[in-house]
């Protein structure tokens, strides 16, 4: 069932609104709390909606792959985790090269910094404890995504 049991993150929004949307922030909340599968599911509709914006599409695909890497790290599937995290890092590096970059305010990191974090997650060993019944999962990443407020 997971963190999103009987929850609805909202409806799909336009690309222009996507980084300020409840759907996007829902995914961030999942990600920061270690619910990587749910984060992936929250961000996927945004990726599909971004067909006309290459930078948004690459950015969302990178986030989805980073979430997938978190799932694989937790499952102990190192080869798959490395593959997903490396692909995510490559996508974030592509996004960092594009002229318009609205992403830093949305996640609190530049895409280039997020690429470094993705690579760090696969080069340092992760030791996870199995959560006790009723406990939240342990995040596998040493960083959080923290959107900057619109006023600051």
C-alpha atoms as a PDB file:
ATOM      1  CA  UNK A   1       0.000   0.000   0.000  1.00  0.00           C
ATOM      2  CA  UNK A   2       2.659   2.530   0.911  1.00  0.00           C
ATOM      3  CA  UNK A   3       2.637   6.191   1.724  1.00  0.00           C
ATOM      4  CA  UNK A   4       0.051   7.114  -0.900  1.00  0.00           C
ATOM      5  CA  UNK A   5      -2.669   4.673   0.115  1.00  0.00           C
ATOM      6  CA  UNK A   6      -6.062   6.180  -0.728  1.00  0.00           C
ATOM      7  CA  UNK A   7      -4.456   9.516  -1.631  1.00  0.00           C
ATOM      8  CA  UNK A   8      -4.883  11.554  -4.784  1.00  0.00           C
ATOM      9  CA  UNK A   9      -2.012  13.919  -5.658  1.00  0.00           C
ATOM     10  CA  UNK A  10      -4.260  15.965  -7.932  1.00  0.00           C
ATOM     11  CA  UNK A  11      -4.648  16.429 -11.623  1.00  0.00           C
ATOM     12  CA  UNK A  12      -2.072  16.885 -14.347  1.00  0.00           C
ATOM     13  CA  UNK A  13      -1.103  20.511 -14.950  1.00  0.00           C
ATOM     14  CA  UNK A  14       0.474  22.438 -17.808  1.00  0.00           C
ATOM     15  CA  UNK A  15       4.242  22.388 -18.270  1.00  0.00           C
ATOM     16  CA  UNK A  16       4.430  26.031 -17.226  1.00  0.00           C
ATOM     17  CA  UNK A  17       2.705  25.256 -13.922  1.00  0.00           C
ATOM     18  CA  UNK A  18       4.280  21.853 -13.355  1.00  0.00           C
ATOM     19  CA  UNK A  19       7.135  22.912 -11.059  1.00  0.00           C
ATOM     20  CA  UNK A  20       4.738  24.822  -8.788  1.00  0.00           C
ATOM     21  CA  UNK A  21       2.038  22.172  -8.835  1.00  0.00           C
ATOM     22  CA  UNK A  22       0.760  20.071  -5.979  1.00  0.00           C
ATOM     23  CA  UNK A  23       1.535  16.985  -8.068  1.00  0.00           C
ATOM     24  CA  UNK A  24       5.211  17.952  -8.290  1.00  0.00           C
ATOM     25  CA  UNK A  25       5.468  18.814  -4.596  1.00  0.00           C
ATOM     26  CA  UNK A  26       3.630  15.600  -3.725  1.00  0.00           C
ATOM     27  CA  UNK A  27       6.443  13.740  -5.500  1.00  0.00           C
ATOM     28  CA  UNK A  28       9.061  15.746  -3.599  1.00  0.00           C
ATOM     29  CA  UNK A  29       7.408  14.859  -0.307  1.00  0.00           C
ATOM     30  CA  UNK A  30       7.400  11.176  -1.226  1.00  0.00           C
ATOM     31  CA  UNK A  31      11.027  11.336  -2.358  1.00  0.00           C
ATOM     32  CA  UNK A  32      12.280  13.111   0.767  1.00  0.00           C
ATOM     33  CA  UNK A  33      10.569  10.562   2.998  1.00  0.00           C
ATOM     34  CA  UNK A  34      11.984   7.559   1.148  1.00  0.00           C
ATOM     35  CA  UNK A  35       8.874   6.597  -0.822  1.00  0.00           C
ATOM     36  CA  UNK A  36      10.655   6.392  -4.150  1.00  0.00           C
ATOM     37  CA  UNK A  37       8.122   4.270  -6.008  1.00  0.00           C
ATOM     38  CA  UNK A  38       5.371   6.723  -5.078  1.00  0.00           C
ATOM     39  CA  UNK A  39       7.550   9.703  -6.081  1.00  0.00           C
ATOM     40  CA  UNK A  40       8.109   8.051  -9.450  1.00  0.00           C
ATOM     41  CA  UNK A  41       4.357   7.583  -9.869  1.00  0.00           C
ATOM     42  CA  UNK A  42       3.644  11.199  -8.877  1.00  0.00           C
ATOM     43  CA  UNK A  43       6.152  12.630 -11.367  1.00  0.00           C
ATOM     44  CA  UNK A  44       5.316  10.376 -14.306  1.00  0.00           C
ATOM     45  CA  UNK A  45       2.193  12.322 -15.396  1.00  0.00           C
ATOM     46  CA  UNK A  46       4.282  15.517 -15.389  1.00  0.00           C
ATOM     47  CA  UNK A  47       6.855  13.840 -17.622  1.00  0.00           C
ATOM     48  CA  UNK A  48       4.091  12.763 -20.021  1.00  0.00           C
ATOM     49  CA  UNK A  49       2.617  16.286 -20.037  1.00  0.00           C
ATOM     50  CA  UNK A  50       6.015  17.845 -20.871  1.00  0.00           C
ATOM     51  CA  UNK A  51       6.089  16.636 -24.479  1.00  0.00           C
ATOM     52  CA  UNK A  52       6.623  20.147 -25.869  1.00  0.00           C
ATOM     53  CA  UNK A  53       9.365  21.182 -23.432  1.00  0.00           C
ATOM     54  CA  UNK A  54      12.615  19.273 -23.847  1.00  0.00           C
ATOM     55  CA  UNK A  55      14.123  20.666 -20.655  1.00  0.00           C
ATOM     56  CA  UNK A  56      11.121  19.782 -18.501  1.00  0.00           C
ATOM     57  CA  UNK A  57      10.899  16.331 -20.060  1.00  0.00           C
ATOM     58  CA  UNK A  58      14.594  15.643 -19.371  1.00  0.00           C
ATOM     59  CA  UNK A  59      14.276  17.021 -15.838  1.00  0.00           C
ATOM     60  CA  UNK A  60      11.243  14.897 -14.936  1.00  0.00           C
ATOM     61  CA  UNK A  61      12.800  11.819 -16.532  1.00  0.00           C
ATOM     62  CA  UNK A  62      15.904  12.410 -14.405  1.00  0.00           C
ATOM     63  CA  UNK A  63      13.827  12.659 -11.236  1.00  0.00           C
ATOM     64  CA  UNK A  64      11.928   9.495 -12.144  1.00  0.00           C
ATOM     65  CA  UNK A  65      15.185   7.618 -12.752  1.00  0.00           C
ATOM     66  CA  UNK A  66      16.645   8.918  -9.487  1.00  0.00           C
ATOM     67  CA  UNK A  67      13.553   7.657  -7.663  1.00  0.00           C
ATOM     68  CA  UNK A  68      13.892   4.303  -9.456  1.00  0.00           C
ATOM     69  CA  UNK A  69      17.527   4.154  -8.344  1.00  0.00           C
ATOM     70  CA  UNK A  70      16.336   4.679  -4.758  1.00  0.00           C
ATOM     71  CA  UNK A  71      14.009   1.701  -5.110  1.00  0.00           C
ATOM     72  CA  UNK A  72      16.845  -0.451  -6.476  1.00  0.00           C
ATOM     73  CA  UNK A  73      19.284   0.678  -3.762  1.00  0.00           C
ATOM     74  CA  UNK A  74      16.770  -0.301  -1.120  1.00  0.00           C
ATOM     75  CA  UNK A  75      16.208  -3.673  -2.820  1.00  0.00           C
ATOM     76  CA  UNK A  76      19.979  -4.279  -2.877  1.00  0.00           C
ATOM     77  CA  UNK A  77      20.032  -4.400  -6.690  1.00  0.00           C
ATOM     78  CA  UNK A  78      23.269  -2.494  -7.163  1.00  0.00           C
ATOM     79  CA  UNK A  79      23.665  -2.952 -10.937  1.00  0.00           C
ATOM     80  CA  UNK A  80      20.179  -1.595 -11.640  1.00  0.00           C
ATOM     81  CA  UNK A  81      20.652   1.218  -9.092  1.00  0.00           C
ATOM     82  CA  UNK A  82      23.923   2.272 -10.730  1.00  0.00           C
ATOM     83  CA  UNK A  83      22.322   2.193 -14.198  1.00  0.00           C
ATOM     84  CA  UNK A  84      19.332   4.337 -13.146  1.00  0.00           C
ATOM     85  CA  UNK A  85      21.401   6.825 -11.114  1.00  0.00           C
ATOM     86  CA  UNK A  86      23.964   7.218 -13.896  1.00  0.00           C
ATOM     87  CA  UNK A  87      21.221   7.848 -16.449  1.00  0.00           C
ATOM     88  CA  UNK A  88      19.596  10.368 -14.075  1.00  0.00           C
ATOM     89  CA  UNK A  89      22.931  12.163 -13.608  1.00  0.00           C
ATOM     90  CA  UNK A  90      23.450  12.336 -17.381  1.00  0.00           C
ATOM     91  CA  UNK A  91      19.970  13.826 -17.860  1.00  0.00           C
ATOM     92  CA  UNK A  92      20.511  16.414 -15.111  1.00  0.00           C
ATOM     93  CA  UNK A  93      23.796  17.402 -16.779  1.00  0.00           C
ATOM     94  CA  UNK A  94      21.916  17.890 -20.080  1.00  0.00           C
ATOM     95  CA  UNK A  95      19.318  20.047 -18.326  1.00  0.00           C
ATOM     96  CA  UNK A  96      22.094  22.145 -16.775  1.00  0.00           C
ATOM     97  CA  UNK A  97      23.343  23.016 -20.277  1.00  0.00           C
ATOM     98  CA  UNK A  98      20.001  24.337 -21.498  1.00  0.00           C
ATOM     99  CA  UNK A  99      19.498  28.125 -21.583  1.00  0.00           C
ATOM    100  CA  UNK A 100      16.379  28.463 -19.412  1.00  0.00           C
ATOM    101  CA  UNK A 101      16.701  26.822 -16.017  1.00  0.00           C
ATOM    102  CA  UNK A 102      13.629  27.128 -13.773  1.00  0.00           C
ATOM    103  CA  UNK A 103      14.548  24.019 -11.805  1.00  0.00           C
ATOM    104  CA  UNK A 104      16.770  25.286  -8.980  1.00  0.00           C
ATOM    105  CA  UNK A 105      13.914  27.093  -7.245  1.00  0.00           C
ATOM    106  CA  UNK A 106      11.723  24.009  -7.652  1.00  0.00           C
ATOM    107  CA  UNK A 107      14.118  21.594  -5.914  1.00  0.00           C
ATOM    108  CA  UNK A 108      16.604  23.776  -4.037  1.00  0.00           C
ATOM    109  CA  UNK A 109      19.532  22.393  -6.065  1.00  0.00           C
ATOM    110  CA  UNK A 110      20.870  23.101  -9.505  1.00  0.00           C
ATOM    111  CA  UNK A 111      20.497  20.230 -11.973  1.00  0.00           C
ATOM    112  CA  UNK A 112      24.317  19.975 -12.009  1.00  0.00           C
ATOM    113  CA  UNK A 113      24.387  19.600  -8.211  1.00  0.00           C
ATOM    114  CA  UNK A 114      21.639  16.977  -8.428  1.00  0.00           C
ATOM    115  CA  UNK A 115      23.767  15.080 -10.973  1.00  0.00           C
ATOM    116  CA  UNK A 116      26.623  15.042  -8.445  1.00  0.00           C
ATOM    117  CA  UNK A 117      24.255  13.773  -5.729  1.00  0.00           C
ATOM    118  CA  UNK A 118      23.000  10.986  -8.022  1.00  0.00           C
ATOM    119  CA  UNK A 119      26.555   9.883  -8.729  1.00  0.00           C
ATOM    120  CA  UNK A 120      27.519  10.065  -5.037  1.00  0.00           C
ATOM    121  CA  UNK A 121      24.634   7.772  -4.133  1.00  0.00           C
ATOM    122  CA  UNK A 122      26.050   5.012  -6.305  1.00  0.00           C
ATOM    123  CA  UNK A 123      29.700   5.383  -5.329  1.00  0.00           C
ATOM    124  CA  UNK A 124      29.266   5.237  -1.570  1.00  0.00           C
ATOM    125  CA  UNK A 125      27.815   2.116   0.022  1.00  0.00           C
ATOM    126  CA  UNK A 126      24.380   2.466   1.540  1.00  0.00           C
ATOM    127  CA  UNK A 127      23.614   0.520   4.683  1.00  0.00           C
ATOM    128  CA  UNK A 128      19.891   0.340   5.277  1.00  0.00           C
ATOM    129  CA  UNK A 129      18.017  -1.055   8.189  1.00  0.00           C
ATOM    130  CA  UNK A 130      14.712  -2.777   7.561  1.00  0.00           C
ATOM    131  CA  UNK A 131      11.944  -0.615   9.012  1.00  0.00           C
ATOM    132  CA  UNK A 132       9.984  -2.038  11.877  1.00  0.00           C
ATOM    133  CA  UNK A 133       6.243  -2.440  11.259  1.00  0.00           C
ATOM    134  CA  UNK A 134       4.611   0.981  11.346  1.00  0.00           C
ATOM    135  CA  UNK A 135       7.889   2.874  10.802  1.00  0.00           C
ATOM    136  CA  UNK A 136       8.664   5.086   7.844  1.00  0.00           C
ATOM    137  CA  UNK A 137      11.200   3.800   5.331  1.00  0.00           C
ATOM    138  CA  UNK A 138      14.744   5.061   5.679  1.00  0.00           C
ATOM    139  CA  UNK A 139      15.743   7.428   2.852  1.00  0.00           C
ATOM    140  CA  UNK A 140      18.712   6.202   0.822  1.00  0.00           C
ATOM    141  CA  UNK A 141      19.941   9.647  -0.221  1.00  0.00           C
ATOM    142  CA  UNK A 142      21.920  12.131   1.888  1.00  0.00           C
ATOM    143  CA  UNK A 143      20.086  15.161   0.480  1.00  0.00           C
ATOM    144  CA  UNK A 144      16.544  16.454   0.283  1.00  0.00           C
ATOM    145  CA  UNK A 145      14.700  18.319  -2.406  1.00  0.00           C
ATOM    146  CA  UNK A 146      13.616  21.635  -0.913  1.00  0.00           C
ATOM    147  CA  UNK A 147      11.600  24.001  -3.104  1.00  0.00           C
ATOM    148  CA  UNK A 148      12.270  27.662  -2.452  1.00  0.00           C
ATOM    149  CA  UNK A 149       9.229  29.640  -1.435  1.00  0.00           C
ATOM    150  CA  UNK A 150       7.780  32.033  -3.982  1.00  0.00           C
ATOM    151  CA  UNK A 151       8.459  34.973  -1.639  1.00  0.00           C
ATOM    152  CA  UNK A 152      12.112  34.146  -1.045  1.00  0.00           C
END
